């Protein structure tokens, strides 16, 4: 997994966590759900990269 991919995946997870927390704080369920989706997207991308790395090495 390249460093750029790691940073992007981590960025997605952080962005999701921030959105989720902001949604909870203001009572915005849509924002909270978007945050959860972004966080999961980052986790899935990271898992996919780990699978690719396993087959490379």
PDB file of N, CA and C in Angstrom:
ATOM      1  N   UNK A   1       0.858  -1.166   0.000  1.00  0.00           N
ATOM      2  CA  UNK A   1       0.000   0.000   0.000  1.00  0.00           C
ATOM      3  C   UNK A   1       0.899   1.222   0.000  1.00  0.00           C
ATOM      4  N   UNK A   2       0.649   2.127  -0.910  1.00  0.00           N
ATOM      5  CA  UNK A   2       1.479   3.320  -0.983  1.00  0.00           C
ATOM      6  C   UNK A   2       1.125   4.297   0.141  1.00  0.00           C
ATOM      7  N   UNK A   3       2.053   5.171   0.410  1.00  0.00           N
ATOM      8  CA  UNK A   3       1.844   6.165   1.455  1.00  0.00           C
ATOM      9  C   UNK A   3       0.660   7.066   1.117  1.00  0.00           C
ATOM     10  N   UNK A   4       0.512   7.408  -0.156  1.00  0.00           N
ATOM     11  CA  UNK A   4      -0.616   8.248  -0.568  1.00  0.00           C
ATOM     12  C   UNK A   4      -1.950   7.586  -0.306  1.00  0.00           C
ATOM     13  N   UNK A   5      -2.028   6.276  -0.579  1.00  0.00           N
ATOM     14  CA  UNK A   5      -3.261   5.533  -0.315  1.00  0.00           C
ATOM     15  C   UNK A   5      -3.564   5.501   1.180  1.00  0.00           C
ATOM     16  N   UNK A   6      -2.533   5.281   1.968  1.00  0.00           N
ATOM     17  CA  UNK A   6      -2.717   5.250   3.430  1.00  0.00           C
ATOM     18  C   UNK A   6      -3.245   6.583   3.932  1.00  0.00           C
ATOM     19  N   UNK A   7      -2.655   7.664   3.436  1.00  0.00           N
ATOM     20  CA  UNK A   7      -3.088   8.991   3.875  1.00  0.00           C
ATOM     21  C   UNK A   7      -4.520   9.279   3.446  1.00  0.00           C
ATOM     22  N   UNK A   8      -4.867   8.895   2.226  1.00  0.00           N
ATOM     23  CA  UNK A   8      -6.229   9.136   1.750  1.00  0.00           C
ATOM     24  C   UNK A   8      -7.236   8.332   2.565  1.00  0.00           C
ATOM     25  N   UNK A   9      -6.923   7.070   2.840  1.00  0.00           N
ATOM     26  CA  UNK A   9      -7.826   6.233   3.618  1.00  0.00           C
ATOM     27  C   UNK A   9      -7.978   6.764   5.033  1.00  0.00           C
ATOM     28  N   UNK A  10      -6.870   7.177   5.626  1.00  0.00           N
ATOM     29  CA  UNK A  10      -6.924   7.753   6.970  1.00  0.00           C
ATOM     30  C   UNK A  10      -7.710   9.051   6.947  1.00  0.00           C
ATOM     31  N   UNK A  11      -7.527   9.841   5.886  1.00  0.00           N
ATOM     32  CA  UNK A  11      -8.283  11.094   5.748  1.00  0.00           C
ATOM     33  C   UNK A  11      -9.773  10.847   5.672  1.00  0.00           C
ATOM     34  N   UNK A  12     -10.177   9.814   4.920  1.00  0.00           N
ATOM     35  CA  UNK A  12     -11.600   9.466   4.833  1.00  0.00           C
ATOM     36  C   UNK A  12     -12.138   9.082   6.209  1.00  0.00           C
ATOM     37  N   UNK A  13     -11.355   8.308   6.952  1.00  0.00           N
ATOM     38  CA  UNK A  13     -11.806   7.875   8.272  1.00  0.00           C
ATOM     39  C   UNK A  13     -11.923   9.050   9.236  1.00  0.00           C
ATOM     40  N   UNK A  14     -10.956   9.959   9.193  1.00  0.00           N
ATOM     41  CA  UNK A  14     -10.991  11.130  10.074  1.00  0.00           C
ATOM     42  C   UNK A  14     -12.143  12.056   9.690  1.00  0.00           C
ATOM     43  N   UNK A  15     -12.294  12.297   8.387  1.00  0.00           N
ATOM     44  CA  UNK A  15     -13.389  13.150   7.914  1.00  0.00           C
ATOM     45  C   UNK A  15     -14.731  12.572   8.360  1.00  0.00           C
ATOM     46  N   UNK A  16     -14.858  11.260   8.259  1.00  0.00           N
ATOM     47  CA  UNK A  16     -16.088  10.604   8.677  1.00  0.00           C
ATOM     48  C   UNK A  16     -16.346  10.754  10.159  1.00  0.00           C
ATOM     49  N   UNK A  17     -15.289  10.590  10.947  1.00  0.00           N
ATOM     50  CA  UNK A  17     -15.442  10.717  12.399  1.00  0.00           C
ATOM     51  C   UNK A  17     -15.855  12.133  12.787  1.00  0.00           C
ATOM     52  N   UNK A  18     -15.273  13.129  12.117  1.00  0.00           N
ATOM     53  CA  UNK A  18     -15.611  14.531  12.405  1.00  0.00           C
ATOM     54  C   UNK A  18     -17.061  14.813  12.021  1.00  0.00           C
ATOM     55  N   UNK A  19     -17.461  14.365  10.829  1.00  0.00           N
ATOM     56  CA  UNK A  19     -18.853  14.571  10.398  1.00  0.00           C
ATOM     57  C   UNK A  19     -19.824  13.890  11.347  1.00  0.00           C
ATOM     58  N   UNK A  20     -19.484  12.669  11.743  1.00  0.00           N
ATOM     59  CA  UNK A  20     -20.360  11.918  12.636  1.00  0.00           C
ATOM     60  C   UNK A  20     -20.509  12.638  13.972  1.00  0.00           C
ATOM     61  N   UNK A  21     -19.392  13.111  14.522  1.00  0.00           N
ATOM     62  CA  UNK A  21     -19.437  13.822  15.800  1.00  0.00           C
ATOM     63  C   UNK A  21     -20.217  15.125  15.682  1.00  0.00           C
ATOM     64  N   UNK A  22     -20.015  15.847  14.582  1.00  0.00           N
ATOM     65  CA  UNK A  22     -20.740  17.102  14.376  1.00  0.00           C
ATOM     66  C   UNK A  22     -22.237  16.833  14.244  1.00  0.00           C
ATOM     67  N   UNK A  23     -22.584  15.778  13.527  1.00  0.00           N
ATOM     68  CA  UNK A  23     -23.990  15.431  13.378  1.00  0.00           C
ATOM     69  C   UNK A  23     -24.642  15.102  14.703  1.00  0.00           C
ATOM     70  N   UNK A  24     -23.909  14.370  15.536  1.00  0.00           N
ATOM     71  CA  UNK A  24     -24.443  14.039  16.865  1.00  0.00           C
ATOM     72  C   UNK A  24     -24.599  15.298  17.703  1.00  0.00           C
ATOM     73  N   UNK A  25     -23.608  16.187  17.622  1.00  0.00           N
ATOM     74  CA  UNK A  25     -23.617  17.393  18.450  1.00  0.00           C
ATOM     75  C   UNK A  25     -24.788  18.315  18.130  1.00  0.00           C
ATOM     76  N   UNK A  26     -25.133  18.426  16.846  1.00  0.00           N
ATOM     77  CA  UNK A  26     -26.209  19.346  16.462  1.00  0.00           C
ATOM     78  C   UNK A  26     -27.530  18.628  16.233  1.00  0.00           C
ATOM     79  N   UNK A  27     -27.532  17.320  16.391  1.00  0.00           N
ATOM     80  CA  UNK A  27     -28.771  16.566  16.210  1.00  0.00           C
ATOM     81  C   UNK A  27     -29.153  16.363  14.755  1.00  0.00           C
ATOM     82  N   UNK A  28     -28.164  16.376  13.859  1.00  0.00           N
ATOM     83  CA  UNK A  28     -28.406  16.212  12.435  1.00  0.00           C
ATOM     84  C   UNK A  28     -28.130  14.757  12.057  1.00  0.00           C
ATOM     85  N   UNK A  29     -29.181  13.980  11.927  1.00  0.00           N
ATOM     86  CA  UNK A  29     -29.033  12.549  11.649  1.00  0.00           C
ATOM     87  C   UNK A  29     -28.414  12.298  10.271  1.00  0.00           C
ATOM     88  N   UNK A  30     -28.722  13.140   9.313  1.00  0.00           N
ATOM     89  CA  UNK A  30     -28.165  12.962   7.965  1.00  0.00           C
ATOM     90  C   UNK A  30     -26.647  13.138   7.973  1.00  0.00           C
ATOM     91  N   UNK A  31     -26.168  14.182   8.637  1.00  0.00           N
ATOM     92  CA  UNK A  31     -24.729  14.433   8.734  1.00  0.00           C
ATOM     93  C   UNK A  31     -24.037  13.292   9.485  1.00  0.00           C
ATOM     94  N   UNK A  32     -24.669  12.824  10.531  1.00  0.00           N
ATOM     95  CA  UNK A  32     -24.132  11.705  11.300  1.00  0.00           C
ATOM     96  C   UNK A  32     -24.023  10.457  10.417  1.00  0.00           C
ATOM     97  N   UNK A  33     -25.046  10.183   9.619  1.00  0.00           N
ATOM     98  CA  UNK A  33     -25.036   9.026   8.732  1.00  0.00           C
ATOM     99  C   UNK A  33     -23.970   9.169   7.645  1.00  0.00           C
ATOM    100  N   UNK A  34     -23.811  10.381   7.108  1.00  0.00           N
ATOM    101  CA  UNK A  34     -22.762  10.612   6.111  1.00  0.00           C
ATOM    102  C   UNK A  34     -21.386  10.349   6.716  1.00  0.00           C
ATOM    103  N   UNK A  35     -21.203  10.768   7.953  1.00  0.00           N
ATOM    104  CA  UNK A  35     -19.934  10.541   8.642  1.00  0.00           C
ATOM    105  C   UNK A  35     -19.647   9.059   8.817  1.00  0.00           C
ATOM    106  N   UNK A  36     -20.658   8.318   9.211  1.00  0.00           N
ATOM    107  CA  UNK A  36     -20.482   6.871   9.360  1.00  0.00           C
ATOM    108  C   UNK A  36     -20.127   6.239   8.019  1.00  0.00           C
ATOM    109  N   UNK A  37     -20.784   6.686   6.955  1.00  0.00           N
ATOM    110  CA  UNK A  37     -20.517   6.138   5.621  1.00  0.00           C
ATOM    111  C   UNK A  37     -19.086   6.449   5.180  1.00  0.00           C
ATOM    112  N   UNK A  38     -18.623   7.672   5.422  1.00  0.00           N
ATOM    113  CA  UNK A  38     -17.250   8.039   5.061  1.00  0.00           C
ATOM    114  C   UNK A  38     -16.240   7.196   5.833  1.00  0.00           C
ATOM    115  N   UNK A  39     -16.517   6.983   7.111  1.00  0.00           N
ATOM    116  CA  UNK A  39     -15.616   6.197   7.948  1.00  0.00           C
ATOM    117  C   UNK A  39     -15.539   4.749   7.447  1.00  0.00           C
ATOM    118  N   UNK A  40     -16.676   4.178   7.124  1.00  0.00           N
ATOM    119  CA  UNK A  40     -16.720   2.812   6.617  1.00  0.00           C
ATOM    120  C   UNK A  40     -16.021   2.725   5.268  1.00  0.00           C
ATOM    121  N   UNK A  41     -16.213   3.739   4.425  1.00  0.00           N
ATOM    122  CA  UNK A  41     -15.557   3.765   3.121  1.00  0.00           C
ATOM    123  C   UNK A  41     -14.037   3.718   3.287  1.00  0.00           C
ATOM    124  N   UNK A  42     -13.511   4.486   4.219  1.00  0.00           N
ATOM    125  CA  UNK A  42     -12.073   4.474   4.485  1.00  0.00           C
ATOM    126  C   UNK A  42     -11.605   3.121   4.983  1.00  0.00           C
ATOM    127  N   UNK A  43     -12.386   2.502   5.861  1.00  0.00           N
ATOM    128  CA  UNK A  43     -12.035   1.173   6.368  1.00  0.00           C
ATOM    129  C   UNK A  43     -12.022   0.137   5.248  1.00  0.00           C
ATOM    130  N   UNK A  44     -13.008   0.188   4.363  1.00  0.00           N
ATOM    131  CA  UNK A  44     -13.085  -0.776   3.262  1.00  0.00           C
ATOM    132  C   UNK A  44     -11.940  -0.596   2.271  1.00  0.00           C
ATOM    133  N   UNK A  45     -11.613   0.645   1.970  1.00  0.00           N
ATOM    134  CA  UNK A  45     -10.492   0.907   1.068  1.00  0.00           C
ATOM    135  C   UNK A  45      -9.199   0.362   1.666  1.00  0.00           C
ATOM    136  N   UNK A  46      -9.023   0.600   2.951  1.00  0.00           N
ATOM    137  CA  UNK A  46      -7.818   0.135   3.622  1.00  0.00           C
ATOM    138  C   UNK A  46      -7.755  -1.389   3.617  1.00  0.00           C
ATOM    139  N   UNK A  47      -8.864  -2.039   3.856  1.00  0.00           N
ATOM    140  CA  UNK A  47      -8.904  -3.500   3.832  1.00  0.00           C
ATOM    141  C   UNK A  47      -8.576  -4.019   2.436  1.00  0.00           C
ATOM    142  N   UNK A  48      -9.101  -3.367   1.411  1.00  0.00           N
ATOM    143  CA  UNK A  48      -8.807  -3.757   0.034  1.00  0.00           C
ATOM    144  C   UNK A  48      -7.331  -3.622  -0.287  1.00  0.00           C
ATOM    145  N   UNK A  49      -6.705  -2.571   0.205  1.00  0.00           N
ATOM    146  CA  UNK A  49      -5.279  -2.384  -0.017  1.00  0.00           C
ATOM    147  C   UNK A  49      -4.471  -3.482   0.673  1.00  0.00           C
ATOM    148  N   UNK A  50      -4.902  -3.893   1.866  1.00  0.00           N
ATOM    149  CA  UNK A  50      -4.218  -4.971   2.577  1.00  0.00           C
ATOM    150  C   UNK A  50      -4.315  -6.274   1.804  1.00  0.00           C
ATOM    151  N   UNK A  51      -5.455  -6.530   1.197  1.00  0.00           N
ATOM    152  CA  UNK A  51      -5.626  -7.750   0.387  1.00  0.00           C
ATOM    153  C   UNK A  51      -4.691  -7.705  -0.816  1.00  0.00           C
ATOM    154  N   UNK A  52      -4.641  -6.553  -1.485  1.00  0.00           N
ATOM    155  CA  UNK A  52      -3.732  -6.415  -2.635  1.00  0.00           C
ATOM    156  C   UNK A  52      -2.284  -6.640  -2.220  1.00  0.00           C
ATOM    157  N   UNK A  53      -1.894  -6.083  -1.073  1.00  0.00           N
ATOM    158  CA  UNK A  53      -0.527  -6.248  -0.590  1.00  0.00           C
ATOM    159  C   UNK A  53      -0.226  -7.712  -0.284  1.00  0.00           C
ATOM    160  N   UNK A  54      -1.198  -8.432   0.238  1.00  0.00           N
ATOM    161  CA  UNK A  54      -0.990  -9.838   0.577  1.00  0.00           C
ATOM    162  C   UNK A  54      -0.702 -10.658  -0.682  1.00  0.00           C
ATOM    163  N   UNK A  55      -1.351 -10.323  -1.792  1.00  0.00           N
ATOM    164  CA  UNK A  55      -1.139 -11.075  -3.024  1.00  0.00           C
ATOM    165  C   UNK A  55       0.158 -10.664  -3.733  1.00  0.00           C
ATOM    166  N   UNK A  56       0.626  -9.469  -3.472  1.00  0.00           N
ATOM    167  CA  UNK A  56       1.876  -8.997  -4.092  1.00  0.00           C
ATOM    168  C   UNK A  56       3.096  -9.677  -3.471  1.00  0.00           C
ATOM    169  N   UNK A  57       3.038  -9.827  -2.149  1.00  0.00           N
ATOM    170  CA  UNK A  57       4.248 -10.237  -1.459  1.00  0.00           C
ATOM    171  C   UNK A  57       4.279 -11.625  -1.057  1.00  0.00           C
TER     172      UNK A  57
END
